[in-house]
Amino acid sequence: MKITLLITAGLLLASLARADGFYQEPARARERVMDLKADFGASGRGAEDDSARLQQAIDSIARSGGGVVRIPAGEYAFAQVSLKSNVHLEIDPTAVIRPYLEGAKKSVAIFAMGRDGTLVENTSIEGVGGRFTVNLSPHAPGIVVVSFGHVRNFKVANVTIHDCLTKFASFQFGPSGGTVAQPVRPRSGTIENASVTGADYGYGLVQVQSAESVLFQNLDGQGGVTLRLETGEKKMNDSQIGGVDRIVGKNISCTEGNAAVMISPHSMQNGVVEIDGVKSTGCGFGVRIDGGFISKKYTAGGLKKGAFARGSTVKNVDATFGMKAQLKPKHYKYMPAGLVKFIHAEPIGPDGASFTGPAIAAVLNDAEYEVAVANVSAHGYEFNPPVIGPKDARDAK
């Protein structure tokens, strides 16, 4: 009887794990293992482009039915490397990866999962035994560390990214092809134990334009937005195909950035978002909940202001005041008048659009749709309450 109960409990737990819709390790995923240096001749010295060797390794493992490509200690330059179904990258914690930029004009993705519209399933990129490092070169074009498209059951974990105010978030989730009858977006994934330093106000660690059933946990940023759920891509808004649903964020933090979490629907009608555990130190806001709007760049008729579905929640927010937040003038109206003089006149970064100044509030809720906000702690904000909205703007008083 005891054995039966244990077996039943195990089956129940497995069933619940599958029901959440996040990444599940496939059976026999890592039986076949090959080494990028030993088996495919990668240099690992950082001076040359190892993209072709890594792509060869991925393709070879994929043709054999799947397995692991190990990236050992060393320095590597990669660009536009496409993951394939049933292939897993295991990266040594002392490995350093940078984008290969020779010939790049506008943007470079180091890794891509299903960005060409081809379905990729059961794939992962993980530091094994610790976090590997990604260094983004200064004065580079827009750089994405991992670009997610038509991918199912995926994971990225254990990485530290050193940015330098480059354009684009390190992890970008977007729509990839599809039709009105069958939207195509990243689905059933987990992003965990990842951080970024030196991020620009408009970007940060993660930007999600389109995704379904993805868990984001233990994420940290210095600068920018650590977890940005902003569904503003033009074609997606015009077609109303995509957006986000069943997104969960746990333990998300940011220091001296724009915000730890940002929720902004534009004109997309999104599903449910659940955020639990936010820590902000010296950011403009701990959490930004923006109202829907219809951008001038959208050309479809009949669009409505976007929203996130009822049942969306933000809870357990802890925010501490600081003087080095990343700010834009559109939010100065929420800053107590006595603090405006402390905004630095010199802009941040090459675009000249953001500035350093005092943190404003723990939570800005500027939405017409309903997001339940609970358990907000604010430290050192002398003039604003923990949660502010349109009524708290100076021009509304």
Protein backbone atom coordinates (compact mmCIF):
# COMPACT_ATOMS: atom_id res chain seq x y z
CA MET A 1 0.00 0.00 0.00
CA LYS A 2 2.82 2.39 0.87
CA ILE A 3 4.58 1.68 -2.44
CA THR A 4 1.35 2.26 -4.34
CA LEU A 5 0.87 5.62 -2.64
CA LEU A 6 4.41 6.67 -3.46
CA ILE A 7 4.00 5.71 -7.10
CA THR A 8 0.66 7.50 -7.30
CA ALA A 9 2.18 10.62 -5.73
CA GLY A 10 5.07 10.52 -8.20
CA LEU A 11 2.71 10.25 -11.15
CA LEU A 12 0.65 13.12 -9.79
CA LEU A 13 3.71 15.36 -9.43
CA ALA A 14 4.81 14.51 -12.97
CA SER A 15 1.34 15.32 -14.25
CA LEU A 16 1.34 18.67 -12.46
CA ALA A 17 4.79 19.47 -13.89
CA ARG A 18 3.53 18.84 -17.41
CA ALA A 19 0.40 20.87 -16.76
CA ASP A 20 2.32 24.08 -16.06
CA GLY A 21 3.46 24.15 -19.69
CA PHE A 22 7.09 25.12 -19.00
CA TYR A 23 10.25 23.30 -20.11
CA GLN A 24 10.34 19.55 -19.51
CA GLU A 25 13.56 17.61 -20.06
CA PRO A 26 12.94 15.01 -22.79
CA ALA A 27 13.74 11.39 -22.01
CA ARG A 28 17.19 10.29 -23.22
CA ALA A 29 17.99 13.90 -24.21
CA ARG A 30 21.66 13.71 -23.30
CA GLU A 31 22.79 10.20 -24.20
CA ARG A 32 24.93 11.29 -27.15
CA VAL A 33 27.64 13.84 -26.29
CA MET A 34 30.19 15.56 -28.54
CA ASP A 35 32.80 18.22 -27.78
CA LEU A 36 33.08 21.41 -29.82
CA LYS A 37 36.88 21.51 -29.59
CA ALA A 38 37.82 17.82 -29.61
CA ASP A 39 35.27 16.63 -32.17
CA PHE A 40 34.78 19.70 -34.40
CA GLY A 41 38.05 21.62 -34.17
CA ALA A 42 36.83 24.90 -32.66
CA SER A 43 39.74 27.14 -31.69
CA GLY A 44 38.35 28.46 -28.41
CA ARG A 45 40.85 31.32 -28.54
CA GLY A 46 38.31 34.06 -29.30
CA ALA A 47 40.30 35.46 -32.22
CA GLU A 48 38.39 33.69 -34.98
CA ASP A 49 34.80 32.92 -35.88
CA ASP A 50 33.78 29.51 -34.53
CA SER A 51 30.16 29.81 -35.73
CA ALA A 52 30.51 27.34 -38.61
CA ARG A 53 32.08 24.70 -36.34
CA LEU A 54 29.33 25.06 -33.76
CA GLN A 55 26.65 24.91 -36.45
CA GLN A 56 28.27 21.77 -37.85
CA ALA A 57 28.21 20.21 -34.38
CA ILE A 58 24.55 21.10 -33.86
CA ASP A 59 23.55 19.77 -37.28
CA SER A 60 25.48 16.54 -36.74
CA ILE A 61 23.87 15.88 -33.35
CA ALA A 62 20.43 16.72 -34.78
CA ARG A 63 20.86 14.25 -37.67
CA SER A 64 21.82 11.51 -35.22
CA GLY A 65 18.57 11.97 -33.29
CA GLY A 66 19.73 14.49 -30.71
CA GLY A 67 22.10 14.90 -27.83
CA VAL A 68 24.62 17.32 -26.36
CA VAL A 69 27.25 19.65 -27.77
CA ARG A 70 29.69 20.55 -25.01
CA ILE A 71 31.44 23.89 -25.24
CA PRO A 72 34.54 23.56 -23.04
CA ALA A 73 36.65 26.24 -21.37
CA GLY A 74 37.88 28.92 -23.75
CA GLU A 75 36.82 32.07 -25.57
CA TYR A 76 34.49 31.82 -28.56
CA ALA A 77 33.07 34.18 -31.17
CA PHE A 78 29.68 33.17 -32.61
CA ALA A 79 26.98 34.74 -34.76
CA GLN A 80 23.68 33.50 -36.20
CA VAL A 81 24.00 29.98 -34.80
CA SER A 82 20.68 28.14 -35.20
CA LEU A 83 19.64 25.58 -32.60
CA LYS A 84 17.95 22.42 -33.87
CA SER A 85 15.40 20.07 -32.34
CA ASN A 86 16.67 17.74 -29.61
CA VAL A 87 20.06 19.49 -29.39
CA HIS A 88 21.37 20.82 -26.08
CA LEU A 89 24.37 23.10 -25.55
CA GLU A 90 26.25 22.51 -22.29
CA ILE A 91 28.71 25.34 -21.65
CA ASP A 92 31.63 25.29 -19.24
CA PRO A 93 31.30 27.97 -16.53
CA THR A 94 34.73 29.38 -17.43
CA ALA A 95 33.81 29.76 -21.11
CA VAL A 96 33.42 33.28 -22.51
CA ILE A 97 31.27 33.92 -25.57
CA ARG A 98 31.13 37.11 -27.62
CA PRO A 99 29.32 38.03 -30.83
CA TYR A 100 31.25 37.76 -34.07
CA LEU A 101 30.74 41.19 -35.62
CA GLU A 102 32.86 41.26 -38.76
CA GLY A 103 30.61 42.36 -41.63
CA ALA A 104 27.65 43.03 -39.34
CA LYS A 105 25.63 46.13 -40.23
CA LYS A 106 22.47 46.45 -38.17
CA SER A 107 22.06 43.53 -35.79
CA VAL A 108 23.52 40.20 -34.77
CA ALA A 109 21.95 37.28 -32.90
CA ILE A 110 24.49 34.97 -31.30
CA PHE A 111 21.98 32.11 -31.02
CA ALA A 112 18.56 31.62 -32.62
CA MET A 113 15.74 29.19 -31.84
CA GLY A 114 13.22 28.89 -34.69
CA ARG A 115 13.69 32.39 -36.03
CA ASP A 116 13.42 31.29 -39.68
CA GLY A 117 9.91 29.91 -39.06
CA THR A 118 11.04 26.27 -38.87
CA LEU A 119 9.79 24.54 -35.73
CA VAL A 120 12.50 23.72 -33.18
CA GLU A 121 11.57 21.49 -30.24
CA ASN A 122 13.28 20.20 -27.09
CA THR A 123 16.39 22.38 -27.02
CA SER A 124 18.44 24.17 -24.39
CA ILE A 125 21.49 26.32 -23.68
CA GLU A 126 22.89 25.94 -20.16
CA GLY A 127 25.95 26.67 -18.11
CA VAL A 128 26.89 23.42 -16.40
CA GLY A 129 28.49 23.66 -12.98
CA GLY A 130 28.05 27.44 -12.88
CA ARG A 131 27.33 30.42 -15.10
CA PHE A 132 29.13 30.99 -18.38
CA THR A 133 29.80 34.55 -19.57
CA VAL A 134 28.73 36.52 -22.62
CA ASN A 135 30.66 39.72 -23.38
CA LEU A 136 29.04 42.17 -25.79
CA SER A 137 31.59 44.30 -27.60
CA PRO A 138 31.43 48.09 -27.25
CA HIS A 139 30.29 50.25 -30.15
CA ALA A 140 28.60 47.24 -31.74
CA PRO A 141 25.39 47.07 -33.75
CA GLY A 142 22.25 45.75 -32.08
CA ILE A 143 23.08 42.46 -30.39
CA VAL A 144 20.74 39.70 -29.24
CA VAL A 145 22.19 36.83 -27.24
CA VAL A 146 19.28 34.44 -27.94
CA SER A 147 16.41 35.14 -30.36
CA PHE A 148 13.29 33.00 -29.84
CA GLY A 149 10.69 32.33 -32.54
CA HIS A 150 8.97 29.09 -33.59
CA VAL A 151 10.29 27.04 -30.68
CA ARG A 152 8.60 24.60 -28.29
CA ASN A 153 9.94 23.19 -25.02
CA PHE A 154 13.13 25.19 -24.56
CA LYS A 155 15.42 26.35 -21.77
CA VAL A 156 18.21 28.87 -21.24
CA ALA A 157 19.95 28.89 -17.86
CA ASN A 158 23.05 29.92 -15.94
CA VAL A 159 24.54 32.87 -17.83
CA THR A 160 25.95 36.31 -17.01
CA ILE A 161 25.85 38.88 -19.80
CA HIS A 162 28.05 41.98 -19.78
CA ASP A 163 26.37 44.58 -21.98
CA CYS A 164 27.57 48.06 -22.89
CA LEU A 165 24.38 50.00 -23.74
CA THR A 166 23.89 48.02 -26.95
CA LYS A 167 20.59 48.09 -28.80
CA PHE A 168 18.10 45.22 -28.14
CA ALA A 169 17.45 43.06 -25.11
CA SER A 170 19.72 40.05 -24.61
CA PHE A 171 16.83 37.58 -24.90
CA GLN A 172 14.18 38.50 -27.48
CA PHE A 173 10.88 36.66 -27.90
CA GLY A 174 8.88 37.43 -31.03
CA PRO A 175 6.37 36.07 -33.53
CA SER A 176 7.73 33.99 -36.39
CA GLY A 177 5.43 33.50 -39.38
CA GLY A 178 2.11 31.78 -38.82
CA THR A 179 -1.41 32.48 -39.99
CA VAL A 180 -4.61 33.86 -38.50
CA ALA A 181 -5.74 30.29 -37.86
CA GLN A 182 -2.44 29.17 -36.31
CA PRO A 183 -0.32 31.84 -34.59
CA VAL A 184 3.34 30.94 -34.20
CA ARG A 185 5.12 32.06 -31.04
CA PRO A 186 7.63 30.65 -28.55
CA ARG A 187 5.87 28.22 -26.25
CA SER A 188 6.61 26.07 -23.20
CA GLY A 189 9.94 27.38 -21.98
CA THR A 190 12.03 28.32 -18.98
CA ILE A 191 14.59 31.10 -18.60
CA GLU A 192 16.37 31.01 -15.25
CA ASN A 193 19.48 32.07 -13.37
CA ALA A 194 20.49 34.82 -15.78
CA SER A 195 21.77 38.38 -15.35
CA VAL A 196 22.88 41.38 -17.37
CA THR A 197 25.07 44.37 -16.52
CA GLY A 198 25.43 47.69 -18.37
CA ALA A 199 22.03 47.58 -20.09
CA ASP A 200 20.44 50.54 -21.88
CA TYR A 201 17.18 52.15 -20.64
CA GLY A 202 15.15 50.87 -23.61
CA TYR A 203 16.35 47.28 -23.45
CA GLY A 204 17.75 45.01 -20.73
CA LEU A 205 17.80 41.27 -20.16
CA VAL A 206 14.48 40.02 -21.61
CA GLN A 207 11.93 41.49 -24.01
CA VAL A 208 8.82 39.44 -24.73
CA GLN A 209 6.76 40.48 -27.73
CA SER A 210 5.10 37.10 -28.20
CA ALA A 211 5.18 33.94 -26.07
CA GLU A 212 2.98 31.38 -24.37
CA SER A 213 3.57 29.40 -21.18
CA VAL A 214 7.06 30.61 -20.28
CA LEU A 215 8.61 30.75 -16.81
CA PHE A 216 11.15 33.48 -16.02
CA GLN A 217 12.85 33.02 -12.66
CA ASN A 218 15.90 34.28 -10.79
CA LEU A 219 16.70 37.05 -13.25
CA ASP A 220 18.77 40.14 -12.44
CA GLY A 221 19.68 43.30 -14.32
CA GLN A 222 21.85 46.35 -13.88
CA GLY A 223 20.31 49.00 -16.10
CA GLY A 224 17.38 48.68 -18.51
CA VAL A 225 14.41 46.44 -17.74
CA THR A 226 15.10 42.93 -16.50
CA LEU A 227 11.77 41.46 -17.66
CA ARG A 228 9.97 43.53 -20.29
CA LEU A 229 6.56 42.24 -21.43
CA GLU A 230 5.98 44.80 -24.18
CA THR A 231 3.93 43.65 -27.14
CA GLY A 232 4.59 46.47 -29.60
CA GLU A 233 5.86 44.74 -32.77
CA LYS A 234 4.18 46.41 -35.76
CA LYS A 235 3.10 43.40 -37.87
CA MET A 236 1.83 41.58 -34.79
CA ASN A 237 -0.32 44.52 -33.69
CA ASP A 238 -1.67 45.07 -37.19
CA SER A 239 -2.59 41.37 -37.58
CA GLN A 240 -3.50 40.81 -33.91
CA ILE A 241 -1.65 37.47 -34.09
CA GLY A 242 0.68 36.71 -31.20
CA GLY A 243 1.00 38.58 -27.93
CA VAL A 244 1.63 36.86 -24.60
CA ASP A 245 -0.29 34.46 -22.39
CA ARG A 246 0.48 32.40 -19.28
CA ILE A 247 3.73 34.20 -18.49
CA VAL A 248 5.14 33.69 -14.99
CA GLY A 249 7.95 35.78 -13.47
CA LYS A 250 9.53 34.84 -10.13
CA ASN A 251 12.36 36.61 -8.31
CA ILE A 252 13.09 39.40 -10.78
CA SER A 253 15.48 42.17 -9.73
CA CYS A 254 17.10 45.29 -11.15
CA THR A 255 19.58 47.92 -9.97
CA GLU A 256 19.81 51.51 -11.25
CA GLY A 257 17.73 50.81 -14.32
CA ASN A 258 14.39 51.68 -15.86
CA ALA A 259 12.42 48.99 -13.98
CA ALA A 260 12.75 45.39 -12.83
CA VAL A 261 9.47 44.47 -14.59
CA MET A 262 7.57 46.33 -17.30
CA ILE A 263 4.11 45.39 -18.61
CA SER A 264 3.01 47.28 -21.73
CA PRO A 265 0.38 45.91 -24.16
CA HIS A 266 0.32 48.58 -26.92
CA SER A 267 -2.76 47.46 -28.91
CA MET A 268 -2.46 43.68 -28.31
CA GLN A 269 -5.13 41.82 -26.35
CA ASN A 270 -2.93 39.61 -24.19
CA GLY A 271 -3.56 36.77 -21.79
CA VAL A 272 -2.54 36.38 -18.15
CA VAL A 273 0.75 37.46 -16.58
CA GLU A 274 1.75 36.49 -13.03
CA ILE A 275 4.68 38.25 -11.33
CA ASP A 276 5.74 37.13 -7.85
CA GLY A 277 8.86 38.54 -6.20
CA VAL A 278 10.37 41.80 -7.51
CA LYS A 279 13.36 43.62 -6.04
CA SER A 280 14.31 47.07 -7.28
CA THR A 281 17.27 49.12 -6.06
CA GLY A 282 17.52 52.68 -7.35
CA CYS A 283 15.41 52.09 -10.48
CA GLY A 284 12.92 54.55 -11.94
CA PHE A 285 10.22 52.08 -10.89
CA GLY A 286 10.23 48.62 -9.40
CA VAL A 287 7.35 47.69 -11.70
CA ARG A 288 5.83 49.65 -14.59
CA ILE A 289 2.30 48.73 -15.66
CA ASP A 290 1.59 50.82 -18.75
CA GLY A 291 -1.76 51.53 -20.32
CA GLY A 292 -2.67 50.32 -23.78
CA PHE A 293 -2.36 52.65 -26.75
CA ILE A 294 -2.42 52.62 -30.55
CA SER A 295 0.88 53.70 -32.03
CA LYS A 296 1.04 55.81 -35.17
CA LYS A 297 3.19 53.10 -36.76
CA TYR A 298 0.25 50.66 -36.83
CA THR A 299 -1.70 50.77 -40.08
CA ALA A 300 -4.61 48.34 -39.53
CA GLY A 301 -8.02 49.83 -38.96
CA GLY A 302 -10.22 49.13 -35.97
CA LEU A 303 -7.45 48.56 -33.45
CA LYS A 304 -8.26 49.00 -29.78
CA LYS A 305 -6.07 49.88 -26.85
CA GLY A 306 -4.28 46.77 -25.66
CA ALA A 307 -4.69 45.01 -22.35
CA PHE A 308 -3.64 42.04 -20.25
CA ALA A 309 -6.34 39.62 -19.19
CA ARG A 310 -8.15 39.70 -15.87
CA GLY A 311 -6.33 37.45 -13.45
CA SER A 312 -2.96 39.11 -14.11
CA THR A 313 -1.09 39.78 -10.87
CA VAL A 314 1.96 41.56 -9.47
CA LYS A 315 2.84 40.77 -5.87
CA ASN A 316 5.67 40.92 -3.36
CA VAL A 317 7.49 43.98 -4.68
CA ASP A 318 10.36 45.45 -2.65
CA ALA A 319 11.77 48.77 -3.92
CA THR A 320 14.54 50.99 -2.53
CA PHE A 321 15.11 54.62 -3.49
CA GLY A 322 18.31 55.72 -5.25
CA MET A 323 19.72 58.63 -7.26
CA LYS A 324 21.04 56.80 -10.34
CA ALA A 325 17.86 55.52 -11.97
CA GLN A 326 17.47 55.50 -15.76
CA LEU A 327 14.69 57.91 -16.74
CA LYS A 328 12.94 59.46 -19.71
CA PRO A 329 11.20 62.85 -19.69
CA LYS A 330 7.75 61.25 -20.16
CA HIS A 331 7.94 60.10 -16.52
CA TYR A 332 9.19 63.34 -14.96
CA LYS A 333 5.57 64.29 -14.23
CA TYR A 334 5.44 61.52 -11.63
CA MET A 335 8.57 62.75 -9.84
CA PRO A 336 8.10 65.02 -6.83
CA ALA A 337 8.91 68.57 -7.94
CA GLY A 338 11.73 68.91 -5.43
CA LEU A 339 13.66 66.05 -7.01
CA VAL A 340 13.56 67.15 -10.64
CA LYS A 341 16.65 69.34 -10.18
CA PHE A 342 18.70 66.20 -9.49
CA ILE A 343 18.16 64.77 -13.00
CA HIS A 344 21.48 64.83 -14.83
CA ALA A 345 21.57 66.96 -17.97
CA GLU A 346 24.00 64.62 -19.72
CA PRO A 347 22.13 61.79 -21.49
CA ILE A 348 22.92 58.09 -21.11
CA GLY A 349 24.29 56.24 -24.12
CA PRO A 350 24.50 57.08 -27.80
CA ASP A 351 20.78 57.66 -28.45
CA GLY A 352 20.62 60.60 -26.05
CA ALA A 353 17.05 59.69 -25.02
CA SER A 354 17.46 58.73 -21.36
CA PHE A 355 18.98 60.36 -18.30
CA THR A 356 20.18 59.52 -14.79
CA GLY A 357 18.19 60.79 -11.82
CA PRO A 358 16.16 59.99 -8.70
CA ALA A 359 13.99 56.87 -8.48
CA ILE A 360 10.29 57.73 -8.68
CA ALA A 361 8.14 54.99 -7.10
CA ALA A 362 7.93 51.30 -6.29
CA VAL A 363 5.06 50.68 -8.73
CA LEU A 364 3.60 52.80 -11.51
CA ASN A 365 0.14 51.51 -12.50
CA ASP A 366 -1.00 53.54 -15.49
CA ALA A 367 -3.33 50.88 -16.92
CA GLU A 368 -7.05 50.98 -17.69
CA TYR A 369 -7.17 47.16 -17.54
CA GLU A 370 -7.06 45.26 -14.25
CA VAL A 371 -3.82 43.99 -12.75
CA ALA A 372 -4.02 42.97 -9.09
CA VAL A 373 -1.09 44.54 -7.20
CA ALA A 374 -0.36 43.29 -3.66
CA ASN A 375 2.27 43.49 -0.93
CA VAL A 376 4.41 46.41 -2.10
CA SER A 377 7.23 47.67 0.17
CA ALA A 378 8.93 51.00 -0.57
CA HIS A 379 12.05 52.27 1.23
CA GLY A 380 13.31 55.87 1.11
CA TYR A 381 10.58 57.34 -1.09
CA GLU A 382 9.67 60.39 0.98
CA PHE A 383 7.09 62.00 -1.28
CA ASN A 384 5.36 59.27 -3.34
CA PRO A 385 3.20 56.40 -2.05
CA PRO A 386 4.31 52.82 -2.91
CA VAL A 387 1.87 52.56 -5.85
CA ILE A 388 1.18 55.58 -8.05
CA GLY A 389 -0.99 56.20 -11.09
CA PRO A 390 -2.27 58.99 -13.36
CA LYS A 391 -3.83 60.84 -10.44
CA ASP A 392 -0.36 61.25 -8.91
CA ALA A 393 1.09 63.11 -11.91
CA ARG A 394 1.90 66.73 -11.09
CA ASP A 395 -0.25 68.06 -13.93
CA ALA A 396 -3.23 66.10 -12.50
CA LYS A 397 -3.13 67.92 -9.16
